[in-house]
Amino acid sequence: MSNHPFVPLRHRAVRLLWGAAVISDIGTWVQLIVVGSLVASGTGSAIQTGLVALATFMNVLDSSIANVSIPAISGDLGVSPGQGTWVITSFGVANAISVPLTGWLTQRFGAVRLFTLSILLFVLTSWLCGFAPSLEMLVFFRVLQGLVAGPMIPLSQTLLLSSYPRAKAGMALALWGMTTLVAPVVGPLLGGWITDNISWPWIFYINVPVGLLAAAMTWSIYRHRETPTRKLPIDSVGLTLLVLWVGSLQLMLDKGKELDWFASSQIVTLGLVALVSFAVFVVWELTDKHPVVDLRLFKRRNFSFGALALSVAYALFFGNIVLLPLWLQQWMGYTATSAGMALAPVGILAILMTPLIGKKIAVWDPRRIATLAFLGFALVLWMRSQFTTQTDMVHILVPTFLQGAAMSMFFIPLTTLTLAGIEPARIPSAAGLSNFTRITAGAMGASIATTLWDNRAAMHHAHMTETLVQGQGVFALTLQSLQASGMSTEQALLQINRLIDQQAYTRAADDIFIASACIFLLLIGSIWLTRRPAPHGAAAGTDAGGAH
């Protein structure tokens, strides 16, 4: 595979799929503008829709734009790609922790002030991320970025719904949901192009002008619609325990391989802190009058099994979308741009099918739709488990294209099942807790996937080298061939080791793909442990599931 980013475009099928992805993205934005204008006729809400969508787009884009840039970031900062994934997981964990605080912060400061302030702080932390001179500083700024980004998506829904009459709320949420699907498509393409043609800090710098524009216009339009404020007690003990157990667990997962897991006293300490603080957290939240998260929601059958299916599935989904570009760039010779192109077609079917799913979710059984989604993910991952070092761009694009259909049938039905039957007053708490478990699971899924990838690759490498006998068979022929091409003995041995590593990491990726496919199939059972919502019930608002 040539490193030139546009070599794949020589394939007709690639040109068709990638062109369709671009056209689909453009079409979606045209749809957002045209339909938004139609919906907003008589209400003056088109500009508001665009502003909220812009802020949401910036947030969601930042969650996916770094995926294809990890090898470049890692190389520039002098760390391994595995350590580079902390840039992704740190944002996700911090974001998950701050989401449950949105309700308290909104009542304390007001929705408009909090939304505007979140955008401005997001701009500031994005700027700081671009200037980070080391991985430690970059991860620190990404944590801050994740913390300030937490309220943005829930509040974007709140402000958007306030701009429309109740009868048009469904259309408003559908438009909002389209934005969350476009951003993960654009993210890898834009991130890849910026990384290859400018430099990776600019994947963060581009947030600055966009965010400043969104903040200024949001404040000018919404400042007279501020929500009432009041002082409420905050569960400071619960919040501290939440940060402690989630942070300790994520650090243990991120640093486990580097420190040889439980052979390290640091990892043992982190594990014990996570376990003890989690146990105390559960007890405290179940007894506190104003818990930071309402764990009593897990007494509800639909919420328990719905949140379980959503969180585990999202961990698998996010872990694999982080792993795929790493494999393409490290071992298949792809540039960041060409890796982004390989991931782009995922949005075609997702964007086309999501409006239909959102419209029919109140009529169709969401359990059947979610089952189709899990079967789709299992099929996609099985297809990826057949990848070899000779797999071309066309065969990489096909499962990526099909994955879009599974995405469209994933987030909305599972969110609908999870929130079914919950009293309106508890919906914000339930949505916050559901998003917290999902986002946390996604960050941990990325860490687990990359750790298992390295471990399985080491195992495959050992097995393959055991069959090689120096001076004999394939080893001798390969060595002679490389030396005949002008390499020294040392260079030839290094090249042979590189070829073995390529095979080992490809087989390791295949192992993770097939294991993930099997888990998706097993998760179908948890979907059918939920009860079907009333057919006449309103569909849940589109979740920003693909966002993080």
Protein backbone atom coordinates (compact mmCIF):
# COMPACT_ATOMS: atom_id res chain seq x y z
CA MET A 1 0.00 0.00 0.00
CA SER A 2 1.43 3.30 -1.07
CA ASN A 3 1.50 6.10 1.42
CA HIS A 4 0.05 8.56 -1.03
CA PRO A 5 -3.39 9.41 0.30
CA PHE A 6 -5.14 9.42 -3.07
CA VAL A 7 -3.86 6.12 -4.43
CA PRO A 8 -7.07 4.33 -3.24
CA LEU A 9 -9.12 6.60 -5.51
CA ARG A 10 -7.79 4.66 -8.49
CA HIS A 11 -10.31 1.97 -7.57
CA ARG A 12 -13.70 2.70 -9.14
CA ALA A 13 -15.61 1.23 -6.20
CA VAL A 14 -13.65 3.40 -3.80
CA ARG A 15 -14.39 6.51 -5.82
CA LEU A 16 -18.10 5.69 -5.88
CA LEU A 17 -18.36 5.00 -2.14
CA TRP A 18 -16.24 7.94 -1.05
CA GLY A 19 -18.02 10.25 -3.47
CA ALA A 20 -21.35 9.05 -2.13
CA ALA A 21 -20.14 9.79 1.41
CA VAL A 22 -19.20 13.36 0.49
CA ILE A 23 -22.45 13.93 -1.42
CA SER A 24 -24.41 12.47 1.47
CA ASP A 25 -22.74 14.84 3.94
CA ILE A 26 -23.43 17.85 1.72
CA GLY A 27 -26.99 16.68 1.22
CA THR A 28 -27.48 16.35 4.95
CA TRP A 29 -26.41 19.92 5.58
CA VAL A 30 -28.70 21.14 2.78
CA GLN A 31 -31.47 19.10 4.39
CA LEU A 32 -30.73 20.66 7.76
CA ILE A 33 -31.00 24.15 6.29
CA VAL A 34 -34.06 23.58 4.08
CA VAL A 35 -36.08 21.45 6.48
CA GLY A 36 -35.04 23.63 9.40
CA SER A 37 -36.36 26.65 7.56
CA LEU A 38 -39.62 24.88 6.79
CA VAL A 39 -40.05 23.73 10.35
CA ALA A 40 -39.17 27.14 11.65
CA SER A 41 -41.59 28.98 9.36
CA GLY A 42 -43.62 31.30 11.51
CA THR A 43 -41.40 30.69 14.52
CA GLY A 44 -38.15 32.31 13.49
CA SER A 45 -36.19 29.30 14.71
CA ALA A 46 -33.97 28.49 11.71
CA ILE A 47 -31.00 30.49 13.02
CA GLN A 48 -31.37 28.96 16.47
CA THR A 49 -31.35 25.50 14.96
CA GLY A 50 -28.19 26.27 13.06
CA LEU A 51 -26.44 27.70 16.14
CA VAL A 52 -27.27 24.78 18.39
CA ALA A 53 -26.33 22.36 15.62
CA LEU A 54 -23.01 24.18 15.13
CA ALA A 55 -22.06 23.91 18.80
CA THR A 56 -23.11 20.26 18.92
CA PHE A 57 -21.23 19.54 15.71
CA MET A 58 -18.05 21.05 17.16
CA ASN A 59 -18.33 18.90 20.30
CA VAL A 60 -19.09 15.66 18.46
CA LEU A 61 -16.45 16.36 15.82
CA ASP A 62 -13.80 16.68 18.52
CA SER A 63 -14.65 13.22 19.79
CA SER A 64 -13.83 11.54 16.49
CA ILE A 65 -11.33 13.85 14.80
CA ALA A 66 -8.41 12.61 16.93
CA ASN A 67 -8.92 8.91 16.10
CA VAL A 68 -6.89 8.97 12.87
CA SER A 69 -4.35 11.40 14.32
CA ILE A 70 -3.16 9.21 17.22
CA PRO A 71 -0.08 7.79 15.39
CA ALA A 72 1.03 11.31 14.43
CA ILE A 73 0.42 12.68 17.93
CA SER A 74 2.23 9.72 19.49
CA GLY A 75 5.23 10.07 17.19
CA ASP A 76 5.50 13.81 17.69
CA LEU A 77 5.31 13.53 21.49
CA GLY A 78 7.62 10.52 21.69
CA VAL A 79 5.18 7.95 23.09
CA SER A 80 3.69 4.66 21.89
CA PRO A 81 0.38 4.61 19.97
CA GLY A 82 -1.13 2.74 22.92
CA GLN A 83 -0.25 5.65 25.20
CA GLY A 84 -1.53 8.01 22.52
CA THR A 85 -5.05 6.61 22.94
CA TRP A 86 -5.13 8.34 26.34
CA VAL A 87 -5.93 11.45 24.29
CA ILE A 88 -9.26 9.81 23.40
CA THR A 89 -10.06 8.00 26.66
CA SER A 90 -9.26 10.96 28.93
CA PHE A 91 -11.77 13.15 27.08
CA GLY A 92 -14.44 10.44 27.27
CA VAL A 93 -14.04 9.77 31.00
CA ALA A 94 -14.04 13.46 31.93
CA ASN A 95 -17.04 14.05 29.71
CA ALA A 96 -18.92 11.18 31.35
CA ILE A 97 -18.23 12.53 34.83
CA SER A 98 -19.52 16.02 34.04
CA VAL A 99 -22.72 14.95 32.24
CA PRO A 100 -24.64 14.06 35.47
CA LEU A 101 -23.84 17.54 36.84
CA THR A 102 -25.68 19.29 33.99
CA GLY A 103 -28.99 19.46 35.84
CA TRP A 104 -27.51 20.98 39.00
CA LEU A 105 -25.36 23.43 37.06
CA THR A 106 -28.32 24.52 34.92
CA GLN A 107 -30.45 25.33 37.94
CA ARG A 108 -27.53 27.12 39.58
CA PHE A 109 -26.41 29.29 36.63
CA GLY A 110 -29.18 29.09 34.00
CA ALA A 111 -29.24 27.12 30.75
CA VAL A 112 -28.15 29.96 28.44
CA ARG A 113 -25.27 31.15 30.64
CA LEU A 114 -24.06 27.57 31.17
CA PHE A 115 -24.29 26.67 27.47
CA THR A 116 -22.42 29.81 26.41
CA LEU A 117 -19.80 29.37 29.11
CA SER A 118 -19.32 25.71 28.14
CA ILE A 119 -18.66 26.72 24.53
CA LEU A 120 -16.15 29.40 25.54
CA LEU A 121 -14.31 27.07 27.91
CA PHE A 122 -14.33 24.40 25.20
CA VAL A 123 -12.65 26.90 22.87
CA LEU A 124 -10.04 27.76 25.51
CA THR A 125 -9.21 24.12 26.30
CA SER A 126 -9.06 23.28 22.57
CA TRP A 127 -6.50 26.06 22.13
CA LEU A 128 -4.50 24.72 25.08
CA CYS A 129 -4.59 21.18 23.63
CA GLY A 130 -2.97 22.44 20.44
CA PHE A 131 -0.12 24.03 22.42
CA ALA A 132 0.52 20.98 24.63
CA PRO A 133 4.28 20.19 24.59
CA SER A 134 3.96 16.67 26.05
CA LEU A 135 1.50 13.80 26.32
CA GLU A 136 0.95 14.54 30.01
CA MET A 137 -0.06 18.13 29.30
CA LEU A 138 -2.21 17.11 26.33
CA VAL A 139 -4.08 14.52 28.42
CA PHE A 140 -4.53 17.10 31.20
CA PHE A 141 -6.03 19.64 28.79
CA ARG A 142 -8.22 16.92 27.21
CA VAL A 143 -9.55 16.13 30.68
CA LEU A 144 -10.44 19.80 31.14
CA GLN A 145 -11.98 19.83 27.66
CA GLY A 146 -14.12 16.79 28.47
CA LEU A 147 -15.27 18.33 31.77
CA VAL A 148 -16.44 21.58 30.18
CA ALA A 149 -18.00 19.76 27.22
CA GLY A 150 -20.31 17.67 29.42
CA PRO A 151 -23.25 20.13 29.58
CA MET A 152 -23.09 21.08 25.88
CA ILE A 153 -25.07 18.23 24.34
CA PRO A 154 -27.88 17.99 26.96
CA LEU A 155 -28.28 21.79 26.93
CA SER A 156 -28.27 21.92 23.13
CA GLN A 157 -31.37 19.73 23.21
CA THR A 158 -32.97 21.93 25.88
CA LEU A 159 -32.37 25.17 23.98
CA LEU A 160 -33.40 23.66 20.67
CA LEU A 161 -36.73 22.45 22.05
CA SER A 162 -37.38 25.89 23.55
CA SER A 163 -37.18 27.37 20.03
CA TYR A 164 -39.99 25.25 18.60
CA PRO A 165 -43.65 24.69 19.39
CA ARG A 166 -44.38 21.36 21.04
CA ALA A 167 -45.90 19.93 17.87
CA LYS A 168 -42.61 20.38 16.03
CA ALA A 169 -40.33 19.02 18.78
CA GLY A 170 -39.89 15.68 17.04
CA MET A 171 -38.67 17.32 13.84
CA ALA A 172 -36.33 19.55 15.83
CA LEU A 173 -34.72 16.54 17.54
CA ALA A 174 -34.45 14.74 14.20
CA LEU A 175 -32.53 17.68 12.77
CA TRP A 176 -30.32 17.74 15.84
CA GLY A 177 -29.70 14.02 15.53
CA MET A 178 -28.55 14.39 11.93
CA THR A 179 -25.76 16.65 13.14
CA THR A 180 -24.48 14.02 15.55
CA LEU A 181 -24.29 11.53 12.69
CA VAL A 182 -22.54 13.84 10.22
CA ALA A 183 -19.78 14.84 12.63
CA PRO A 184 -18.32 11.32 13.15
CA VAL A 185 -18.12 11.01 9.36
CA VAL A 186 -16.46 14.35 8.80
CA GLY A 187 -14.15 13.91 11.82
CA PRO A 188 -11.81 11.23 10.42
CA LEU A 189 -11.71 12.86 6.98
CA LEU A 190 -10.94 16.32 8.34
CA GLY A 191 -8.59 15.03 11.04
CA GLY A 192 -6.67 12.95 8.53
CA TRP A 193 -6.31 15.77 6.02
CA ILE A 194 -5.22 18.29 8.68
CA THR A 195 -2.70 15.86 10.19
CA ASP A 196 -1.13 15.02 6.83
CA ASN A 197 -1.17 18.48 5.27
CA ILE A 198 -0.77 20.91 8.20
CA SER A 199 -0.08 19.45 11.67
CA TRP A 200 -2.08 17.64 14.35
CA PRO A 201 -2.48 20.69 16.72
CA TRP A 202 -4.78 22.21 14.12
CA ILE A 203 -7.40 19.53 14.78
CA PHE A 204 -7.91 21.46 18.03
CA TYR A 205 -7.27 24.99 16.76
CA ILE A 206 -10.16 24.79 14.26
CA ASN A 207 -12.54 24.80 17.24
CA VAL A 208 -11.50 28.35 18.15
CA PRO A 209 -13.23 30.41 15.39
CA VAL A 210 -16.22 28.04 15.23
CA GLY A 211 -16.73 28.12 18.99
CA LEU A 212 -16.34 31.90 19.31
CA LEU A 213 -18.93 32.42 16.56
CA ALA A 214 -21.37 29.94 18.14
CA ALA A 215 -20.94 31.45 21.62
CA ALA A 216 -21.40 35.05 20.46
CA MET A 217 -24.51 34.35 18.41
CA THR A 218 -26.02 32.02 21.02
CA TRP A 219 -25.72 34.69 23.70
CA SER A 220 -27.11 37.42 21.45
CA ILE A 221 -30.19 35.35 20.56
CA TYR A 222 -30.91 33.42 23.74
CA ARG A 223 -29.83 35.78 26.54
CA HIS A 224 -33.38 37.06 27.02
CA ARG A 225 -34.70 33.51 27.42
CA GLU A 226 -32.65 32.56 30.47
CA THR A 227 -34.10 29.79 32.62
CA PRO A 228 -34.88 30.41 36.31
CA THR A 229 -32.05 29.75 38.76
CA ARG A 230 -32.02 28.57 42.35
CA LYS A 231 -29.46 27.29 44.81
CA LEU A 232 -29.60 23.55 45.31
CA PRO A 233 -27.41 21.33 47.48
CA ILE A 234 -24.81 19.33 45.61
CA ASP A 235 -23.76 15.82 46.51
CA SER A 236 -20.08 16.71 46.94
CA VAL A 237 -19.24 13.37 48.62
CA GLY A 238 -20.89 11.40 45.80
CA LEU A 239 -19.18 13.52 43.17
CA THR A 240 -15.78 13.01 44.82
CA LEU A 241 -16.32 9.26 44.99
CA LEU A 242 -17.47 9.23 41.35
CA VAL A 243 -14.32 11.00 40.17
CA LEU A 244 -12.20 8.73 42.36
CA TRP A 245 -13.47 5.36 41.18
CA VAL A 246 -13.90 6.26 37.51
CA GLY A 247 -10.52 7.99 37.35
CA SER A 248 -8.70 5.18 39.17
CA LEU A 249 -10.27 2.51 36.99
CA GLN A 250 -9.43 4.36 33.76
CA LEU A 251 -5.82 4.97 34.87
CA MET A 252 -5.49 1.28 35.72
CA LEU A 253 -6.72 0.29 32.26
CA ASP A 254 -4.55 2.87 30.46
CA LYS A 255 -1.31 2.14 32.36
CA GLY A 256 -1.80 -1.58 32.99
CA LYS A 257 0.22 -2.89 30.07
CA GLU A 258 2.97 -0.31 30.54
CA LEU A 259 3.41 -1.30 34.22
CA ASP A 260 2.89 -5.09 33.75
CA TRP A 261 -0.55 -5.06 35.34
CA PHE A 262 -0.85 -6.47 38.87
CA ALA A 263 2.85 -7.12 39.11
CA SER A 264 3.02 -3.37 39.72
CA SER A 265 2.15 -1.96 43.13
CA GLN A 266 0.78 1.16 41.40
CA ILE A 267 -1.76 -0.89 39.42
CA VAL A 268 -2.75 -2.84 42.56
CA THR A 269 -3.27 0.43 44.42
CA LEU A 270 -5.36 1.91 41.60
CA GLY A 271 -7.47 -1.25 41.46
CA LEU A 272 -8.11 -1.22 45.23
CA VAL A 273 -8.97 2.51 45.19
CA ALA A 274 -11.39 1.97 42.31
CA LEU A 275 -13.05 -1.03 44.01
CA VAL A 276 -13.41 0.53 47.47
CA SER A 277 -14.53 3.96 46.23
CA PHE A 278 -17.07 2.32 43.89
CA ALA A 279 -18.56 0.28 46.76
CA VAL A 280 -18.80 3.35 48.99
CA PHE A 281 -20.20 5.37 46.06
CA VAL A 282 -23.04 2.89 45.52
CA VAL A 283 -23.99 2.87 49.21
CA TRP A 284 -23.80 6.67 49.47
CA GLU A 285 -25.84 7.37 46.33
CA LEU A 286 -28.59 4.96 47.42
CA THR A 287 -28.98 6.73 50.77
CA ASP A 288 -28.35 10.41 49.93
CA LYS A 289 -31.34 12.76 49.49
CA HIS A 290 -29.77 14.56 46.52
CA PRO A 291 -27.55 11.97 44.76
CA VAL A 292 -25.32 13.06 41.88
CA VAL A 293 -26.67 10.01 40.00
CA ASP A 294 -29.96 8.30 40.81
CA LEU A 295 -28.91 4.63 41.11
CA ARG A 296 -32.45 3.68 42.14
CA LEU A 297 -33.27 3.79 38.44
CA PHE A 298 -31.55 0.42 38.09
CA LYS A 299 -34.50 -1.10 39.96
CA ARG A 300 -36.43 -0.64 36.73
CA ARG A 301 -36.18 -3.60 34.41
CA ASN A 302 -36.06 -1.64 31.18
CA PHE A 303 -33.50 0.81 32.46
CA SER A 304 -31.18 -1.90 33.83
CA PHE A 305 -31.11 -4.13 30.77
CA GLY A 306 -31.38 -1.23 28.32
CA ALA A 307 -28.44 0.60 29.90
CA LEU A 308 -26.47 -2.66 30.02
CA ALA A 309 -27.01 -3.37 26.33
CA LEU A 310 -26.32 0.25 25.36
CA SER A 311 -23.12 0.53 27.42
CA VAL A 312 -21.54 -2.81 26.49
CA ALA A 313 -22.44 -2.36 22.83
CA TYR A 314 -21.02 1.16 22.80
CA ALA A 315 -17.81 -0.08 24.45
CA LEU A 316 -17.43 -2.64 21.65
CA PHE A 317 -18.35 -0.09 18.99
CA PHE A 318 -15.99 2.61 20.24
CA GLY A 319 -13.14 0.21 20.95
CA ASN A 320 -13.26 -1.06 17.38
CA ILE A 321 -13.48 2.36 15.72
CA VAL A 322 -10.35 3.38 17.65
CA LEU A 323 -8.55 0.14 16.76
CA LEU A 324 -9.26 0.17 13.02
CA PRO A 325 -7.43 3.42 12.08
CA LEU A 326 -4.51 2.42 14.33
CA TRP A 327 -4.14 -0.86 12.43
CA LEU A 328 -4.48 0.86 9.05
CA GLN A 329 -1.80 3.44 9.79
CA GLN A 330 0.67 1.39 11.81
CA TRP A 331 0.66 -1.81 9.79
CA MET A 332 -1.06 -1.26 6.43
CA GLY A 333 0.80 1.82 5.24
CA TYR A 334 -2.18 4.18 5.25
CA THR A 335 -1.76 7.88 5.86
CA ALA A 336 -4.09 9.70 8.23
CA THR A 337 -5.96 11.03 5.18
CA SER A 338 -6.44 7.66 3.52
CA ALA A 339 -7.45 6.11 6.88
CA GLY A 340 -10.08 8.85 7.21
CA MET A 341 -11.31 8.06 3.71
CA ALA A 342 -11.61 4.41 4.66
CA LEU A 343 -13.88 5.34 7.59
CA ALA A 344 -15.98 8.01 5.86
CA PRO A 345 -18.65 5.87 4.12
CA VAL A 346 -20.05 4.81 7.52
CA GLY A 347 -22.28 7.87 7.40
CA ILE A 348 -24.12 7.14 4.14
CA LEU A 349 -26.66 4.60 5.37
CA ALA A 350 -26.69 6.10 8.88
CA ILE A 351 -27.80 9.49 7.58
CA LEU A 352 -30.32 8.02 5.11
CA MET A 353 -31.93 5.60 7.56
CA THR A 354 -31.95 7.56 10.84
CA PRO A 355 -34.94 9.81 9.93
CA LEU A 356 -36.98 6.69 9.05
CA ILE A 357 -36.03 4.96 12.31
CA GLY A 358 -36.87 8.10 14.30
CA LYS A 359 -40.26 8.37 12.58
CA LYS A 360 -41.21 4.71 13.03
CA ILE A 361 -39.78 4.07 16.50
CA ALA A 362 -43.17 4.75 18.13
CA VAL A 363 -44.85 2.19 15.85
CA TRP A 364 -42.26 -0.56 15.41
CA ASP A 365 -41.00 -2.70 18.27
CA PRO A 366 -37.66 -1.10 19.30
CA ARG A 367 -36.43 -4.52 20.48
CA ARG A 368 -36.65 -5.86 16.92
CA ILE A 369 -34.84 -2.81 15.54
CA ALA A 370 -32.06 -3.09 18.15
CA THR A 371 -31.74 -6.81 17.41
CA LEU A 372 -31.20 -6.01 13.73
CA ALA A 373 -28.57 -3.45 14.77
CA PHE A 374 -26.65 -6.01 16.83
CA LEU A 375 -26.86 -8.57 14.02
CA GLY A 376 -25.56 -5.89 11.67
CA PHE A 377 -22.63 -5.04 13.94
CA ALA A 378 -21.84 -8.77 14.31
CA LEU A 379 -21.83 -9.18 10.51
CA VAL A 380 -19.59 -6.13 10.03
CA LEU A 381 -17.10 -7.30 12.66
CA TRP A 382 -17.08 -10.85 11.24
CA MET A 383 -16.22 -9.38 7.83
CA ARG A 384 -13.39 -7.40 9.42
CA SER A 385 -12.10 -10.52 11.16
CA GLN A 386 -11.24 -11.82 7.66
CA PHE A 387 -8.81 -8.97 7.02
CA THR A 388 -5.23 -9.90 6.08
CA THR A 389 -2.11 -7.93 5.29
CA GLN A 390 -3.18 -8.14 1.63
CA THR A 391 -6.66 -6.67 2.14
CA ASP A 392 -7.27 -3.74 -0.20
CA MET A 393 -9.26 -0.54 0.29
CA VAL A 394 -12.39 -1.88 -1.41
CA HIS A 395 -12.75 -4.78 1.05
CA ILE A 396 -12.16 -2.40 3.97
CA LEU A 397 -14.85 -0.02 2.73
CA VAL A 398 -17.63 -2.61 2.37
CA PRO A 399 -18.09 -3.40 6.11
CA THR A 400 -17.61 0.28 6.91
CA PHE A 401 -20.45 1.15 4.54
CA LEU A 402 -22.73 -1.52 6.06
CA GLN A 403 -21.93 -0.36 9.59
CA GLY A 404 -23.90 2.82 8.91
CA ALA A 405 -27.14 0.81 8.77
CA ALA A 406 -26.40 -0.76 12.16
CA MET A 407 -25.64 2.67 13.65
CA SER A 408 -28.99 4.05 12.53
CA MET A 409 -30.82 1.19 14.30
CA PHE A 410 -28.70 1.28 17.45
CA PHE A 411 -28.90 4.48 19.48
CA ILE A 412 -32.53 5.55 19.08
CA PRO A 413 -34.18 2.15 19.84
CA LEU A 414 -31.94 1.41 22.81
CA THR A 415 -32.45 4.90 24.25
CA THR A 416 -36.21 4.46 23.79
CA LEU A 417 -36.16 1.11 25.60
CA THR A 418 -33.97 2.43 28.41
CA LEU A 419 -36.18 5.45 29.16
CA ALA A 420 -39.53 3.67 28.63
CA GLY A 421 -41.97 3.95 31.52
CA ILE A 422 -39.95 6.50 33.53
CA GLU A 423 -41.86 9.44 34.98
CA PRO A 424 -41.28 12.74 33.15
CA ALA A 425 -39.72 14.29 36.25
CA ARG A 426 -37.05 11.57 36.36
CA ILE A 427 -36.26 11.57 32.63
CA PRO A 428 -33.37 14.07 32.97
CA SER A 429 -31.75 11.96 35.71
CA ALA A 430 -32.31 8.76 33.72
CA ALA A 431 -30.89 10.26 30.53
CA GLY A 432 -27.89 11.62 32.43
CA LEU A 433 -27.17 8.27 34.09
CA SER A 434 -27.63 6.40 30.80
CA ASN A 435 -25.20 8.76 29.03
CA PHE A 436 -22.76 8.49 31.92
CA THR A 437 -22.63 4.67 31.73
CA ARG A 438 -22.41 4.73 27.94
CA ILE A 439 -19.62 7.30 27.66
CA THR A 440 -17.64 5.70 30.50
CA ALA A 441 -17.99 2.29 28.88
CA GLY A 442 -16.82 3.75 25.54
CA ALA A 443 -13.63 5.19 27.06
CA MET A 444 -12.89 1.93 28.87
CA GLY A 445 -13.70 -0.06 25.73
CA ALA A 446 -11.02 1.86 23.82
CA SER A 447 -8.43 1.14 26.53
CA ILE A 448 -9.34 -2.55 26.73
CA ALA A 449 -9.33 -2.98 22.94
CA THR A 450 -5.86 -1.47 22.47
CA THR A 451 -4.44 -3.40 25.45
CA LEU A 452 -5.82 -6.71 24.19
CA TRP A 453 -4.52 -5.88 20.73
CA ASP A 454 -0.97 -5.50 22.01
CA ASN A 455 -1.22 -8.64 24.16
CA ARG A 456 -2.63 -10.81 21.38
CA ALA A 457 -0.03 -9.45 18.94
CA ALA A 458 2.78 -10.44 21.34
CA MET A 459 1.30 -13.94 21.58
CA HIS A 460 0.99 -14.30 17.78
CA HIS A 461 4.53 -12.94 17.32
CA ALA A 462 5.90 -15.56 19.72
CA HIS A 463 4.01 -18.37 17.99
CA MET A 464 5.23 -17.37 14.53
CA THR A 465 8.86 -16.98 15.55
CA GLU A 466 8.78 -20.42 17.19
CA THR A 467 8.23 -21.99 13.77
CA LEU A 468 11.15 -20.16 12.20
CA VAL A 469 14.58 -21.75 12.30
CA GLN A 470 17.48 -19.42 11.56
CA GLY A 471 19.33 -20.47 8.42
CA GLN A 472 16.59 -22.85 7.28
CA GLY A 473 13.34 -22.85 5.30
CA VAL A 474 11.29 -19.68 4.77
CA PHE A 475 13.50 -17.68 7.11
CA ALA A 476 16.65 -18.43 5.09
CA LEU A 477 14.97 -17.76 1.73
CA THR A 478 13.52 -14.44 2.92
CA LEU A 479 16.85 -13.36 4.40
CA GLN A 480 18.70 -14.21 1.20
CA SER A 481 16.13 -12.37 -0.90
CA LEU A 482 16.39 -9.22 1.20
CA GLN A 483 20.19 -9.33 1.17
CA ALA A 484 20.14 -9.77 -2.58
CA SER A 485 18.08 -6.58 -2.85
CA GLY A 486 20.94 -4.64 -1.22
CA MET A 487 20.13 -4.83 2.49
CA SER A 488 22.73 -5.61 5.10
CA THR A 489 22.17 -8.61 7.37
CA GLU A 490 21.01 -6.33 10.19
CA GLN A 491 18.60 -4.45 7.92
CA ALA A 492 17.22 -7.70 6.52
CA LEU A 493 16.61 -9.09 10.04
CA LEU A 494 14.83 -5.89 11.04
CA GLN A 495 12.65 -6.13 7.93
CA ILE A 496 11.78 -9.75 8.71
CA ASN A 497 10.81 -8.76 12.25
CA ARG A 498 8.65 -5.96 10.81
CA LEU A 499 6.86 -8.46 8.54
CA ILE A 500 6.25 -10.79 11.51
CA ASP A 501 4.90 -7.87 13.56
CA GLN A 502 2.60 -6.89 10.70
CA GLN A 503 1.15 -10.39 10.58
CA ALA A 504 0.92 -10.60 14.38
CA TYR A 505 -0.95 -7.28 14.78
CA THR A 506 -3.27 -8.13 11.89
CA ARG A 507 -4.15 -11.48 13.46
CA ALA A 508 -4.59 -9.76 16.83
CA ALA A 509 -7.00 -7.25 15.28
CA ASP A 510 -8.92 -10.13 13.69
CA ASP A 511 -9.17 -11.78 17.13
CA ILE A 512 -10.72 -8.66 18.62
CA PHE A 513 -13.11 -8.22 15.68
CA ILE A 514 -14.45 -11.79 15.94
CA ALA A 515 -14.68 -11.66 19.76
CA SER A 516 -16.62 -8.40 19.52
CA ALA A 517 -18.97 -9.98 16.95
CA CYS A 518 -19.71 -12.86 19.34
CA ILE A 519 -20.41 -10.48 22.25
CA PHE A 520 -22.84 -8.50 20.08
CA LEU A 521 -24.73 -11.73 19.39
CA LEU A 522 -24.83 -12.57 23.11
CA LEU A 523 -26.11 -9.05 23.93
CA ILE A 524 -29.26 -9.67 21.90
CA GLY A 525 -30.59 -11.63 24.88
CA SER A 526 -30.43 -8.55 27.14
CA ILE A 527 -32.57 -6.60 24.65
CA TRP A 528 -35.39 -9.12 24.96
CA LEU A 529 -35.32 -8.93 28.75
CA THR A 530 -36.82 -5.45 28.40
CA ARG A 531 -40.54 -4.74 27.94
CA ARG A 532 -41.81 -3.14 24.78
CA PRO A 533 -42.87 0.49 25.29
CA ALA A 534 -46.46 1.37 24.54
CA PRO A 535 -46.79 1.68 20.74
CA HIS A 536 -48.46 5.08 21.06
CA GLY A 537 -45.71 6.46 23.30
CA ALA A 538 -43.56 9.21 21.99
CA ALA A 539 -40.19 8.29 20.65
CA ALA A 540 -37.26 9.21 22.73
CA GLY A 541 -35.19 12.04 21.48
CA THR A 542 -32.24 11.08 19.34
CA ASP A 543 -29.27 10.33 21.55
CA ALA A 544 -25.91 11.69 20.69
CA GLY A 545 -24.71 8.22 20.76
CA GLY A 546 -22.30 8.48 17.98
CA ALA A 547 -20.87 11.53 19.47
CA HIS A 548 -18.45 10.23 21.99
